Amino acid sequence: MASSSLRFSISPPRLGDRNHIEWTRSGLDHCSMRPRSHGAADRRQFLCCAGVQDDLAKKDMDIWQLLRIEAMEQSQAEPYLASFLYATVLSHPSLERSLAFHLANKLANMTLLSTQLFSLFSETFSADTSIQEAMREDMKAFRERDPACTSYVHGMLNYKGFLACQAHRVSHRLWRQHRTGLALALQNRISEVFQVDIHPGAQVGKGMFLDHATGVVVGETATIGDNVSILHHVTLGGTGNRCMDRHPKVGNGVLIGAGATLLGPIKVGDGAKIGACTLVLIDVPCYCTAVGVPARIIRNTAAAVTPPPPCDFPGQSMDHTSEILDYVI
């Protein structure tokens, strides 16, 4: 069997080769190796192949089409990335296979081979439509909520919070199938590679955004709703040593600031906000803010009368400071 250093041999000509430069600048489909003519004309031809007539039409495209166009544009602008973008994005027929390939190469080690992981991820993504929907909502989340995110392809390839979350979705499916050994082995690799430790038993909704992600810990019986944003060094931890419900339950549209710790089977309501470095040991009602050590609740009286629309929930607006700025100890 091949060693763990195996990487799929899908690549254009070597960097520096004239044919390589010709390939990186071509604006045709992902199998094309024809030389370029003019850059603008090439790009228009590529967009036409994708069914796009101009940049304004991009808004009507799905994420995979946009991601492929972004990858092509980046390979034209930066030849050093052309081989990587070709092997990871442009050579694949779908977002699911592209992401499976990328995760497999990220998580492989000496004994857990990239070919094995690629099969596992690819089969799981293809078989589970809920994961397909969730990964696309997660991509929209990092693109819309992080001003530093320049493109879908940048987030998919480089955001370890996104990658850790997608790998967790696979481990969670394995956990539900009672394949606990493989689920836990995958959890361990995710923790080693991405510094994100989510137990495979934890339930995570769609539209999840793990910003920076380093040091995030989520326990076995925790649940996280849709459109939640969590910053680095956040812990959703348990209390007690019995096998029972012992971790937080986080609602939809919640924002949890950096360094916050939530312990025990507490409930955090929809649209709530947890301030940075807060220690939460009590329930947090909907639309309220928790801040301090231990946390105190700041109630949003206006939201109690007229609840805000979901698009204005803190988890989507990324508003870390309102309410907290007016808090007086």
C-alpha atoms as a PDB file:
ATOM      1  CA  MET A   1       0.000   0.000   0.000  1.00  0.00           C
ATOM      2  CA  ALA A   2       1.219   3.515  -0.699  1.00  0.00           C
ATOM      3  CA  SER A   3       2.677   5.540   2.155  1.00  0.00           C
ATOM      4  CA  SER A   4       0.784   8.291   3.942  1.00  0.00           C
ATOM      5  CA  SER A   5       2.649  10.889   1.931  1.00  0.00           C
ATOM      6  CA  LEU A   6       0.529   9.942  -1.073  1.00  0.00           C
ATOM      7  CA  ARG A   7      -1.218  12.885  -2.688  1.00  0.00           C
ATOM      8  CA  PHE A   8      -3.447  12.461  -5.704  1.00  0.00           C
ATOM      9  CA  SER A   9      -1.419  13.126  -8.838  1.00  0.00           C
ATOM     10  CA  ILE A  10      -3.779  15.713 -10.287  1.00  0.00           C
ATOM     11  CA  SER A  11      -1.633  18.635 -11.335  1.00  0.00           C
ATOM     12  CA  PRO A  12      -0.744  20.789 -14.316  1.00  0.00           C
ATOM     13  CA  PRO A  13       2.834  21.074 -15.640  1.00  0.00           C
ATOM     14  CA  ARG A  14       5.596  22.001 -13.231  1.00  0.00           C
ATOM     15  CA  LEU A  15       5.979  25.543 -11.943  1.00  0.00           C
ATOM     16  CA  GLY A  16       8.222  27.627 -14.183  1.00  0.00           C
ATOM     17  CA  ASP A  17       7.594  25.491 -17.257  1.00  0.00           C
ATOM     18  CA  ARG A  18       6.294  27.539 -20.188  1.00  0.00           C
ATOM     19  CA  ASN A  19       3.337  25.190 -20.588  1.00  0.00           C
ATOM     20  CA  HIS A  20       2.566  25.682 -16.902  1.00  0.00           C
ATOM     21  CA  ILE A  21       2.357  29.436 -17.354  1.00  0.00           C
ATOM     22  CA  GLU A  22       0.190  28.939 -20.420  1.00  0.00           C
ATOM     23  CA  TRP A  23      -2.126  26.704 -18.357  1.00  0.00           C
ATOM     24  CA  THR A  24      -2.408  29.073 -15.414  1.00  0.00           C
ATOM     25  CA  ARG A  25      -3.538  31.845 -17.673  1.00  0.00           C
ATOM     26  CA  SER A  26      -6.003  29.874 -19.735  1.00  0.00           C
ATOM     27  CA  GLY A  27      -9.623  30.698 -19.079  1.00  0.00           C
ATOM     28  CA  LEU A  28     -11.161  27.450 -20.212  1.00  0.00           C
ATOM     29  CA  ASP A  29     -12.678  24.467 -18.425  1.00  0.00           C
ATOM     30  CA  HIS A  30     -10.691  22.617 -15.755  1.00  0.00           C
ATOM     31  CA  CYS A  31      -9.311  20.009 -18.166  1.00  0.00           C
ATOM     32  CA  SER A  32      -8.096  22.564 -20.707  1.00  0.00           C
ATOM     33  CA  MET A  33      -4.375  22.775 -21.487  1.00  0.00           C
ATOM     34  CA  ARG A  34      -4.648  25.144 -24.472  1.00  0.00           C
ATOM     35  CA  PRO A  35      -2.482  28.262 -24.594  1.00  0.00           C
ATOM     36  CA  ARG A  36      -4.001  31.632 -23.803  1.00  0.00           C
ATOM     37  CA  SER A  37      -4.708  34.432 -26.217  1.00  0.00           C
ATOM     38  CA  HIS A  38      -5.795  37.556 -24.349  1.00  0.00           C
ATOM     39  CA  GLY A  39      -6.541  37.591 -20.600  1.00  0.00           C
ATOM     40  CA  ALA A  40      -9.877  39.387 -20.772  1.00  0.00           C
ATOM     41  CA  ALA A  41     -11.083  37.222 -23.641  1.00  0.00           C
ATOM     42  CA  ASP A  42     -10.006  34.068 -21.794  1.00  0.00           C
ATOM     43  CA  ARG A  43     -11.931  35.094 -18.708  1.00  0.00           C
ATOM     44  CA  ARG A  44     -15.066  35.863 -20.717  1.00  0.00           C
ATOM     45  CA  GLN A  45     -14.786  32.456 -22.380  1.00  0.00           C
ATOM     46  CA  PHE A  46     -14.489  30.750 -18.981  1.00  0.00           C
ATOM     47  CA  LEU A  47     -17.501  32.645 -17.660  1.00  0.00           C
ATOM     48  CA  CYS A  48     -19.493  31.713 -20.741  1.00  0.00           C
ATOM     49  CA  CYS A  49     -18.566  28.037 -20.227  1.00  0.00           C
ATOM     50  CA  ALA A  50     -19.945  28.364 -16.693  1.00  0.00           C
ATOM     51  CA  GLY A  51     -23.122  29.947 -17.992  1.00  0.00           C
ATOM     52  CA  VAL A  52     -22.238  33.473 -16.856  1.00  0.00           C
ATOM     53  CA  GLN A  53     -22.402  36.511 -19.122  1.00  0.00           C
ATOM     54  CA  ASP A  54     -20.927  39.161 -16.795  1.00  0.00           C
ATOM     55  CA  ASP A  55     -19.899  39.821 -13.198  1.00  0.00           C
ATOM     56  CA  LEU A  56     -23.394  40.937 -12.233  1.00  0.00           C
ATOM     57  CA  ALA A  57     -24.670  37.450 -13.012  1.00  0.00           C
ATOM     58  CA  LYS A  58     -22.417  35.986 -10.313  1.00  0.00           C
ATOM     59  CA  LYS A  59     -25.042  36.737  -7.677  1.00  0.00           C
ATOM     60  CA  ASP A  60     -27.358  34.229  -9.365  1.00  0.00           C
ATOM     61  CA  MET A  61     -24.758  31.453  -9.417  1.00  0.00           C
ATOM     62  CA  ASP A  62     -24.380  28.722  -6.840  1.00  0.00           C
ATOM     63  CA  ILE A  63     -21.408  28.650  -4.483  1.00  0.00           C
ATOM     64  CA  TRP A  64     -19.534  25.945  -6.391  1.00  0.00           C
ATOM     65  CA  GLN A  65     -19.620  27.916  -9.652  1.00  0.00           C
ATOM     66  CA  LEU A  66     -18.445  31.058  -7.875  1.00  0.00           C
ATOM     67  CA  LEU A  67     -15.708  29.164  -6.090  1.00  0.00           C
ATOM     68  CA  ARG A  68     -14.405  27.728  -9.369  1.00  0.00           C
ATOM     69  CA  ILE A  69     -14.318  31.155 -10.998  1.00  0.00           C
ATOM     70  CA  GLU A  70     -12.473  32.573  -7.983  1.00  0.00           C
ATOM     71  CA  ALA A  71      -9.968  29.714  -8.143  1.00  0.00           C
ATOM     72  CA  MET A  72      -9.368  30.328 -11.834  1.00  0.00           C
ATOM     73  CA  GLU A  73      -8.880  34.047 -11.252  1.00  0.00           C
ATOM     74  CA  GLN A  74      -6.427  33.394  -8.428  1.00  0.00           C
ATOM     75  CA  SER A  75      -4.445  30.900 -10.498  1.00  0.00           C
ATOM     76  CA  GLN A  76      -4.126  33.555 -13.203  1.00  0.00           C
ATOM     77  CA  ALA A  77      -3.041  36.211 -10.707  1.00  0.00           C
ATOM     78  CA  GLU A  78      -0.649  34.002  -8.710  1.00  0.00           C
ATOM     79  CA  PRO A  79       1.049  31.193 -10.694  1.00  0.00           C
ATOM     80  CA  TYR A  80       2.643  29.789  -7.522  1.00  0.00           C
ATOM     81  CA  LEU A  81      -0.853  28.733  -6.397  1.00  0.00           C
ATOM     82  CA  ALA A  82      -1.947  27.336  -9.755  1.00  0.00           C
ATOM     83  CA  SER A  83      -1.019  23.691  -9.091  1.00  0.00           C
ATOM     84  CA  PHE A  84      -2.623  23.784  -5.634  1.00  0.00           C
ATOM     85  CA  LEU A  85      -5.832  25.373  -6.933  1.00  0.00           C
ATOM     86  CA  TYR A  86      -6.009  22.936  -9.836  1.00  0.00           C
ATOM     87  CA  ALA A  87      -5.536  19.858  -7.660  1.00  0.00           C
ATOM     88  CA  THR A  88      -7.847  21.027  -4.884  1.00  0.00           C
ATOM     89  CA  VAL A  89     -10.631  22.826  -6.750  1.00  0.00           C
ATOM     90  CA  LEU A  90     -10.521  22.980 -10.528  1.00  0.00           C
ATOM     91  CA  SER A  91      -9.977  19.276 -11.208  1.00  0.00           C
ATOM     92  CA  HIS A  92     -13.096  18.222  -9.264  1.00  0.00           C
ATOM     93  CA  PRO A  93     -16.675  17.972 -10.542  1.00  0.00           C
ATOM     94  CA  SER A  94     -18.407  19.110  -7.338  1.00  0.00           C
ATOM     95  CA  LEU A  95     -17.959  21.005  -4.093  1.00  0.00           C
ATOM     96  CA  GLU A  96     -18.349  17.751  -2.163  1.00  0.00           C
ATOM     97  CA  ARG A  97     -15.434  16.031  -3.904  1.00  0.00           C
ATOM     98  CA  SER A  98     -13.251  19.129  -3.750  1.00  0.00           C
ATOM     99  CA  LEU A  99     -13.806  19.517  -0.011  1.00  0.00           C
ATOM    100  CA  ALA A 100     -13.327  15.780   0.550  1.00  0.00           C
ATOM    101  CA  PHE A 101      -9.979  15.921  -1.268  1.00  0.00           C
ATOM    102  CA  HIS A 102      -8.817  18.952   0.717  1.00  0.00           C
ATOM    103  CA  LEU A 103      -9.851  17.543   4.110  1.00  0.00           C
ATOM    104  CA  ALA A 104      -8.287  14.174   3.322  1.00  0.00           C
ATOM    105  CA  ASN A 105      -4.919  15.759   2.623  1.00  0.00           C
ATOM    106  CA  LYS A 106      -5.164  17.996   5.684  1.00  0.00           C
ATOM    107  CA  LEU A 107      -6.033  15.198   8.121  1.00  0.00           C
ATOM    108  CA  ALA A 108      -3.940  12.317   6.754  1.00  0.00           C
ATOM    109  CA  ASN A 109      -1.051  10.941   8.819  1.00  0.00           C
ATOM    110  CA  MET A 110       1.297   7.951   8.733  1.00  0.00           C
ATOM    111  CA  THR A 111      -1.444   5.419   9.414  1.00  0.00           C
ATOM    112  CA  LEU A 112      -4.645   7.212   8.373  1.00  0.00           C
ATOM    113  CA  LEU A 113      -4.068   7.537   4.645  1.00  0.00           C
ATOM    114  CA  SER A 114      -5.348  10.357   2.482  1.00  0.00           C
ATOM    115  CA  THR A 115      -6.895   7.857   0.045  1.00  0.00           C
ATOM    116  CA  GLN A 116      -8.914   6.273   2.853  1.00  0.00           C
ATOM    117  CA  LEU A 117     -10.057   9.630   4.207  1.00  0.00           C
ATOM    118  CA  PHE A 118     -10.977  10.843   0.736  1.00  0.00           C
ATOM    119  CA  SER A 119     -13.256   7.839   0.280  1.00  0.00           C
ATOM    120  CA  LEU A 120     -14.826   8.384   3.716  1.00  0.00           C
ATOM    121  CA  PHE A 121     -15.464  12.103   3.207  1.00  0.00           C
ATOM    122  CA  SER A 122     -16.592  11.792  -0.392  1.00  0.00           C
ATOM    123  CA  GLU A 123     -19.048   8.980   0.350  1.00  0.00           C
ATOM    124  CA  THR A 124     -20.444  10.788   3.398  1.00  0.00           C
ATOM    125  CA  PHE A 125     -20.886  14.125   1.630  1.00  0.00           C
ATOM    126  CA  SER A 126     -22.547  12.437  -1.353  1.00  0.00           C
ATOM    127  CA  ALA A 127     -24.923  10.366   0.753  1.00  0.00           C
ATOM    128  CA  ASP A 128     -26.119  13.013   3.236  1.00  0.00           C
ATOM    129  CA  THR A 129     -28.085  15.915   1.762  1.00  0.00           C
ATOM    130  CA  SER A 130     -28.309  17.626   5.156  1.00  0.00           C
ATOM    131  CA  ILE A 131     -24.505  17.875   5.257  1.00  0.00           C
ATOM    132  CA  GLN A 132     -24.489  19.217   1.693  1.00  0.00           C
ATOM    133  CA  GLU A 133     -26.910  21.969   2.709  1.00  0.00           C
ATOM    134  CA  ALA A 134     -25.056  22.718   5.953  1.00  0.00           C
ATOM    135  CA  MET A 135     -21.640  23.075   4.298  1.00  0.00           C
ATOM    136  CA  ARG A 136     -23.047  25.627   1.849  1.00  0.00           C
ATOM    137  CA  GLU A 137     -24.707  27.587   4.647  1.00  0.00           C
ATOM    138  CA  ASP A 138     -21.407  27.479   6.569  1.00  0.00           C
ATOM    139  CA  MET A 139     -19.647  28.919   3.516  1.00  0.00           C
ATOM    140  CA  LYS A 140     -22.184  31.716   3.253  1.00  0.00           C
ATOM    141  CA  ALA A 141     -21.608  32.384   6.948  1.00  0.00           C
ATOM    142  CA  PHE A 142     -17.864  32.996   6.727  1.00  0.00           C
ATOM    143  CA  ARG A 143     -18.246  35.003   3.507  1.00  0.00           C
ATOM    144  CA  GLU A 144     -20.972  37.277   4.892  1.00  0.00           C
ATOM    145  CA  ARG A 145     -19.858  37.652   8.520  1.00  0.00           C
ATOM    146  CA  ASP A 146     -16.100  38.080   8.192  1.00  0.00           C
ATOM    147  CA  PRO A 147     -14.983  41.291   6.457  1.00  0.00           C
ATOM    148  CA  ALA A 148     -11.488  39.788   6.184  1.00  0.00           C
ATOM    149  CA  CYS A 149     -12.741  36.953   3.990  1.00  0.00           C
ATOM    150  CA  THR A 150     -11.940  37.931   0.419  1.00  0.00           C
ATOM    151  CA  SER A 151     -13.606  35.025  -1.419  1.00  0.00           C
ATOM    152  CA  TYR A 152     -15.328  31.674  -1.065  1.00  0.00           C
ATOM    153  CA  VAL A 153     -12.220  29.855  -2.264  1.00  0.00           C
ATOM    154  CA  HIS A 154     -10.083  31.615   0.353  1.00  0.00           C
ATOM    155  CA  GLY A 155     -12.448  30.564   3.146  1.00  0.00           C
ATOM    156  CA  MET A 156     -12.871  26.984   1.965  1.00  0.00           C
ATOM    157  CA  LEU A 157      -9.149  26.366   1.586  1.00  0.00           C
ATOM    158  CA  ASN A 158      -7.764  28.364   4.500  1.00  0.00           C
ATOM    159  CA  TYR A 159     -10.356  28.775   7.278  1.00  0.00           C
ATOM    160  CA  LYS A 160      -9.617  26.028   9.761  1.00  0.00           C
ATOM    161  CA  GLY A 161     -12.855  26.711  11.642  1.00  0.00           C
ATOM    162  CA  PHE A 162     -14.836  25.874   8.514  1.00  0.00           C
ATOM    163  CA  LEU A 163     -12.731  22.796   7.782  1.00  0.00           C
ATOM    164  CA  ALA A 164     -12.992  21.549  11.363  1.00  0.00           C
ATOM    165  CA  CYS A 165     -16.762  21.975  11.290  1.00  0.00           C
ATOM    166  CA  GLN A 166     -17.158  19.996   8.049  1.00  0.00           C
ATOM    167  CA  ALA A 167     -14.940  17.212   9.349  1.00  0.00           C
ATOM    168  CA  HIS A 168     -17.013  17.193  12.552  1.00  0.00           C
ATOM    169  CA  ARG A 169     -20.193  16.705  10.512  1.00  0.00           C
ATOM    170  CA  VAL A 170     -18.650  13.502   9.167  1.00  0.00           C
ATOM    171  CA  SER A 171     -17.594  12.310  12.632  1.00  0.00           C
ATOM    172  CA  HIS A 172     -21.074  13.092  13.992  1.00  0.00           C
ATOM    173  CA  ARG A 173     -22.675  10.983  11.261  1.00  0.00           C
ATOM    174  CA  LEU A 174     -20.314   8.132  12.123  1.00  0.00           C
ATOM    175  CA  TRP A 175     -21.249   8.545  15.798  1.00  0.00           C
ATOM    176  CA  ARG A 176     -24.959   8.246  14.976  1.00  0.00           C
ATOM    177  CA  GLN A 177     -24.175   5.113  12.972  1.00  0.00           C
ATOM    178  CA  HIS A 178     -22.493   3.645  16.102  1.00  0.00           C
ATOM    179  CA  ARG A 179     -19.097   3.667  14.373  1.00  0.00           C
ATOM    180  CA  THR A 180     -17.662   5.225  17.517  1.00  0.00           C
ATOM    181  CA  GLY A 181     -14.062   4.085  17.056  1.00  0.00           C
ATOM    182  CA  LEU A 182     -13.670   5.822  13.705  1.00  0.00           C
ATOM    183  CA  ALA A 183     -15.651   8.858  14.899  1.00  0.00           C
ATOM    184  CA  LEU A 184     -13.331   9.340  17.881  1.00  0.00           C
ATOM    185  CA  ALA A 185     -10.200   8.768  15.793  1.00  0.00           C
ATOM    186  CA  LEU A 186     -11.389  11.446  13.394  1.00  0.00           C
ATOM    187  CA  GLN A 187     -12.163  13.805  16.280  1.00  0.00           C
ATOM    188  CA  ASN A 188      -8.608  13.349  17.537  1.00  0.00           C
ATOM    189  CA  ARG A 189      -7.107  14.202  14.145  1.00  0.00           C
ATOM    190  CA  ILE A 190      -9.341  17.289  13.837  1.00  0.00           C
ATOM    191  CA  SER A 191      -8.135  18.443  17.260  1.00  0.00           C
ATOM    192  CA  GLU A 192      -4.477  17.830  16.379  1.00  0.00           C
ATOM    193  CA  VAL A 193      -4.600  19.560  13.007  1.00  0.00           C
ATOM    194  CA  PHE A 194      -7.088  22.405  13.526  1.00  0.00           C
ATOM    195  CA  GLN A 195      -6.922  22.910  17.338  1.00  0.00           C
ATOM    196  CA  VAL A 196     -10.714  22.546  17.460  1.00  0.00           C
ATOM    197  CA  ASP A 197     -12.072  19.820  19.760  1.00  0.00           C
ATOM    198  CA  ILE A 198     -15.731  18.999  19.096  1.00  0.00           C
ATOM    199  CA  HIS A 199     -16.963  15.678  20.437  1.00  0.00           C
ATOM    200  CA  PRO A 200     -18.614  13.621  17.679  1.00  0.00           C
ATOM    201  CA  GLY A 201     -21.761  13.373  19.802  1.00  0.00           C
ATOM    202  CA  ALA A 202     -22.285  17.157  19.776  1.00  0.00           C
ATOM    203  CA  GLN A 203     -25.000  18.451  17.455  1.00  0.00           C
ATOM    204  CA  VAL A 204     -24.133  21.464  15.307  1.00  0.00           C
ATOM    205  CA  GLY A 205     -26.645  23.374  13.176  1.00  0.00           C
ATOM    206  CA  LYS A 206     -26.112  24.923   9.770  1.00  0.00           C
ATOM    207  CA  GLY A 207     -24.690  28.376   9.171  1.00  0.00           C
ATOM    208  CA  MET A 208     -21.981  27.815  11.801  1.00  0.00           C
ATOM    209  CA  PHE A 209     -19.092  30.289  11.856  1.00  0.00           C
ATOM    210  CA  LEU A 210     -16.031  29.440  13.949  1.00  0.00           C
ATOM    211  CA  ASP A 211     -14.021  32.652  13.736  1.00  0.00           C
ATOM    212  CA  HIS A 212     -10.252  32.022  14.195  1.00  0.00           C
ATOM    213  CA  ALA A 213     -11.364  28.768  15.881  1.00  0.00           C
ATOM    214  CA  THR A 214      -8.208  27.989  17.870  1.00  0.00           C
ATOM    215  CA  GLY A 215      -9.024  26.466  21.248  1.00  0.00           C
ATOM    216  CA  VAL A 216     -12.759  25.870  20.710  1.00  0.00           C
ATOM    217  CA  VAL A 217     -14.019  22.952  22.832  1.00  0.00           C
ATOM    218  CA  VAL A 218     -17.549  21.510  22.556  1.00  0.00           C
ATOM    219  CA  GLY A 219     -18.659  18.614  24.759  1.00  0.00           C
ATOM    220  CA  GLU A 220     -20.563  15.439  23.942  1.00  0.00           C
ATOM    221  CA  THR A 221     -24.115  16.448  24.868  1.00  0.00           C
ATOM    222  CA  ALA A 222     -23.901  20.061  23.667  1.00  0.00           C
ATOM    223  CA  THR A 223     -26.234  21.303  20.947  1.00  0.00           C
ATOM    224  CA  ILE A 224     -25.712  24.383  18.789  1.00  0.00           C
ATOM    225  CA  GLY A 225     -28.499  25.919  16.702  1.00  0.00           C
ATOM    226  CA  ASP A 226     -28.441  27.500  13.259  1.00  0.00           C
ATOM    227  CA  ASN A 227     -26.522  30.654  12.311  1.00  0.00           C
ATOM    228  CA  VAL A 228     -24.356  30.692  15.437  1.00  0.00           C
ATOM    229  CA  SER A 229     -20.996  32.469  15.538  1.00  0.00           C
ATOM    230  CA  ILE A 230     -18.303  31.360  17.983  1.00  0.00           C
ATOM    231  CA  LEU A 231     -14.898  32.963  18.419  1.00  0.00           C
ATOM    232  CA  HIS A 232     -11.610  31.417  19.538  1.00  0.00           C
ATOM    233  CA  HIS A 233     -10.976  29.826  22.939  1.00  0.00           C
ATOM    234  CA  VAL A 234     -14.668  29.228  23.663  1.00  0.00           C
ATOM    235  CA  THR A 235     -15.636  26.238  25.825  1.00  0.00           C
ATOM    236  CA  LEU A 236     -19.055  24.586  25.901  1.00  0.00           C
ATOM    237  CA  GLY A 237     -18.182  22.337  28.814  1.00  0.00           C
ATOM    238  CA  GLY A 238     -19.890  19.905  31.136  1.00  0.00           C
ATOM    239  CA  THR A 239     -20.273  19.574  34.850  1.00  0.00           C
ATOM    240  CA  GLY A 240     -20.196  16.306  36.788  1.00  0.00           C
ATOM    241  CA  ASN A 241     -18.808  12.891  35.857  1.00  0.00           C
ATOM    242  CA  ARG A 242     -21.994  10.976  35.094  1.00  0.00           C
ATOM    243  CA  CYS A 243     -23.118   9.922  31.629  1.00  0.00           C
ATOM    244  CA  MET A 244     -26.037  12.313  31.359  1.00  0.00           C
ATOM    245  CA  ASP A 245     -27.016  15.594  29.729  1.00  0.00           C
ATOM    246  CA  ARG A 246     -24.274  17.872  31.054  1.00  0.00           C
ATOM    247  CA  HIS A 247     -23.403  20.442  28.346  1.00  0.00           C
ATOM    248  CA  PRO A 248     -24.919  23.751  27.130  1.00  0.00           C
ATOM    249  CA  LYS A 249     -27.779  24.068  24.663  1.00  0.00           C
ATOM    250  CA  VAL A 250     -27.223  27.060  22.376  1.00  0.00           C
ATOM    251  CA  GLY A 251     -30.130  28.475  20.350  1.00  0.00           C
ATOM    252  CA  ASN A 252     -30.255  30.065  16.903  1.00  0.00           C
ATOM    253  CA  GLY A 253     -28.419  33.254  15.985  1.00  0.00           C
ATOM    254  CA  VAL A 254     -26.275  33.321  19.132  1.00  0.00           C
ATOM    255  CA  LEU A 255     -22.908  35.112  19.281  1.00  0.00           C
ATOM    256  CA  ILE A 256     -20.290  33.804  21.737  1.00  0.00           C
ATOM    257  CA  GLY A 257     -17.299  36.088  22.253  1.00  0.00           C
ATOM    258  CA  ALA A 258     -13.654  35.079  22.503  1.00  0.00           C
ATOM    259  CA  GLY A 259     -12.615  33.210  25.629  1.00  0.00           C
ATOM    260  CA  ALA A 260     -16.154  32.665  26.941  1.00  0.00           C
ATOM    261  CA  THR A 261     -16.860  29.567  29.024  1.00  0.00           C
ATOM    262  CA  LEU A 262     -20.326  28.015  29.309  1.00  0.00           C
ATOM    263  CA  LEU A 263     -20.665  25.134  31.786  1.00  0.00           C
ATOM    264  CA  GLY A 264     -23.423  22.655  32.496  1.00  0.00           C
ATOM    265  CA  PRO A 265     -26.777  21.891  30.812  1.00  0.00           C
ATOM    266  CA  ILE A 266     -27.759  25.557  30.628  1.00  0.00           C
ATOM    267  CA  LYS A 267     -29.871  27.066  27.858  1.00  0.00           C
ATOM    268  CA  VAL A 268     -28.850  30.047  25.754  1.00  0.00           C
ATOM    269  CA  GLY A 269     -31.886  31.460  23.974  1.00  0.00           C
ATOM    270  CA  ASP A 270     -32.232  32.551  20.363  1.00  0.00           C
ATOM    271  CA  GLY A 271     -30.541  35.837  19.509  1.00  0.00           C
ATOM    272  CA  ALA A 272     -28.531  35.964  22.747  1.00  0.00           C
ATOM    273  CA  LYS A 273     -25.022  37.316  23.096  1.00  0.00           C
ATOM    274  CA  ILE A 274     -22.206  36.109  25.353  1.00  0.00           C
ATOM    275  CA  GLY A 275     -19.493  38.692  26.003  1.00  0.00           C
ATOM    276  CA  ALA A 276     -15.808  37.899  25.641  1.00  0.00           C
ATOM    277  CA  CYS A 277     -14.230  36.042  28.595  1.00  0.00           C
ATOM    278  CA  THR A 278     -17.621  35.607  30.284  1.00  0.00           C
ATOM    279  CA  LEU A 279     -18.270  32.643  32.588  1.00  0.00           C
ATOM    280  CA  VAL A 280     -21.854  31.465  32.093  1.00  0.00           C
ATOM    281  CA  LEU A 281     -23.394  29.146  34.681  1.00  0.00           C
ATOM    282  CA  ILE A 282     -27.059  30.152  34.299  1.00  0.00           C
ATOM    283  CA  ASP A 283     -29.637  30.224  31.521  1.00  0.00           C
ATOM    284  CA  VAL A 284     -29.496  33.205  29.151  1.00  0.00           C
ATOM    285  CA  PRO A 285     -32.956  34.275  27.881  1.00  0.00           C
ATOM    286  CA  CYS A 286     -33.635  35.063  24.237  1.00  0.00           C
ATOM    287  CA  TYR A 287     -32.255  38.384  22.937  1.00  0.00           C
ATOM    288  CA  CYS A 288     -30.347  39.023  26.158  1.00  0.00           C
ATOM    289  CA  THR A 289     -26.631  39.557  26.784  1.00  0.00           C
ATOM    290  CA  ALA A 290     -24.501  37.755  29.371  1.00  0.00           C
ATOM    291  CA  VAL A 291     -21.329  39.449  30.589  1.00  0.00           C
ATOM    292  CA  GLY A 292     -18.980  39.145  33.546  1.00  0.00           C
ATOM    293  CA  VAL A 293     -17.458  36.486  35.823  1.00  0.00           C
ATOM    294  CA  PRO A 294     -19.777  34.977  36.792  1.00  0.00           C
ATOM    295  CA  ALA A 295     -22.184  36.220  34.145  1.00  0.00           C
ATOM    296  CA  ARG A 296     -24.907  38.734  34.782  1.00  0.00           C
ATOM    297  CA  ILE A 297     -27.816  39.143  32.403  1.00  0.00           C
ATOM    298  CA  ILE A 298     -28.448  42.394  30.522  1.00  0.00           C
ATOM    299  CA  ARG A 299     -31.990  42.354  29.249  1.00  0.00           C
ATOM    300  CA  ASN A 300     -32.943  43.901  25.933  1.00  0.00           C
ATOM    301  CA  THR A 301     -36.288  45.469  26.761  1.00  0.00           C
ATOM    302  CA  ALA A 302     -36.956  46.565  23.186  1.00  0.00           C
ATOM    303  CA  ALA A 303     -36.376  43.076  21.818  1.00  0.00           C
ATOM    304  CA  ALA A 304     -38.658  41.639  24.483  1.00  0.00           C
ATOM    305  CA  VAL A 305     -41.507  43.759  23.083  1.00  0.00           C
ATOM    306  CA  THR A 306     -40.617  43.438  19.381  1.00  0.00           C
ATOM    307  CA  PRO A 307     -38.240  40.554  18.639  1.00  0.00           C
ATOM    308  CA  PRO A 308     -35.671  41.420  15.945  1.00  0.00           C
ATOM    309  CA  PRO A 309     -35.672  39.542  12.623  1.00  0.00           C
ATOM    310  CA  PRO A 310     -33.233  36.617  12.499  1.00  0.00           C
ATOM    311  CA  CYS A 311     -30.892  38.540  10.162  1.00  0.00           C
ATOM    312  CA  ASP A 312     -30.306  41.015  13.015  1.00  0.00           C
ATOM    313  CA  PHE A 313     -29.448  38.360  15.592  1.00  0.00           C
ATOM    314  CA  PRO A 314     -25.938  38.850  17.000  1.00  0.00           C
ATOM    315  CA  GLY A 315     -24.761  35.572  15.487  1.00  0.00           C
ATOM    316  CA  GLN A 316     -25.277  37.064  12.026  1.00  0.00           C
ATOM    317  CA  SER A 317     -24.633  40.763  12.619  1.00  0.00           C
ATOM    318  CA  MET A 318     -21.425  40.003  14.608  1.00  0.00           C
ATOM    319  CA  ASP A 319     -22.264  42.919  16.924  1.00  0.00           C
ATOM    320  CA  HIS A 320     -20.037  42.256  19.932  1.00  0.00           C
ATOM    321  CA  THR A 321     -20.362  45.503  21.863  1.00  0.00           C
ATOM    322  CA  SER A 322     -23.879  46.980  21.898  1.00  0.00           C
ATOM    323  CA  GLU A 323     -25.622  46.456  25.267  1.00  0.00           C
ATOM    324  CA  ILE A 324     -22.231  45.564  26.788  1.00  0.00           C
ATOM    325  CA  LEU A 325     -20.931  49.132  26.335  1.00  0.00           C
ATOM    326  CA  ASP A 326     -23.773  50.392  28.541  1.00  0.00           C
ATOM    327  CA  TYR A 327     -23.168  47.804  31.239  1.00  0.00           C
ATOM    328  CA  VAL A 328     -22.073  49.141  34.642  1.00  0.00           C
ATOM    329  CA  ILE A 329     -20.778  46.765  37.322  1.00  0.00           C
END
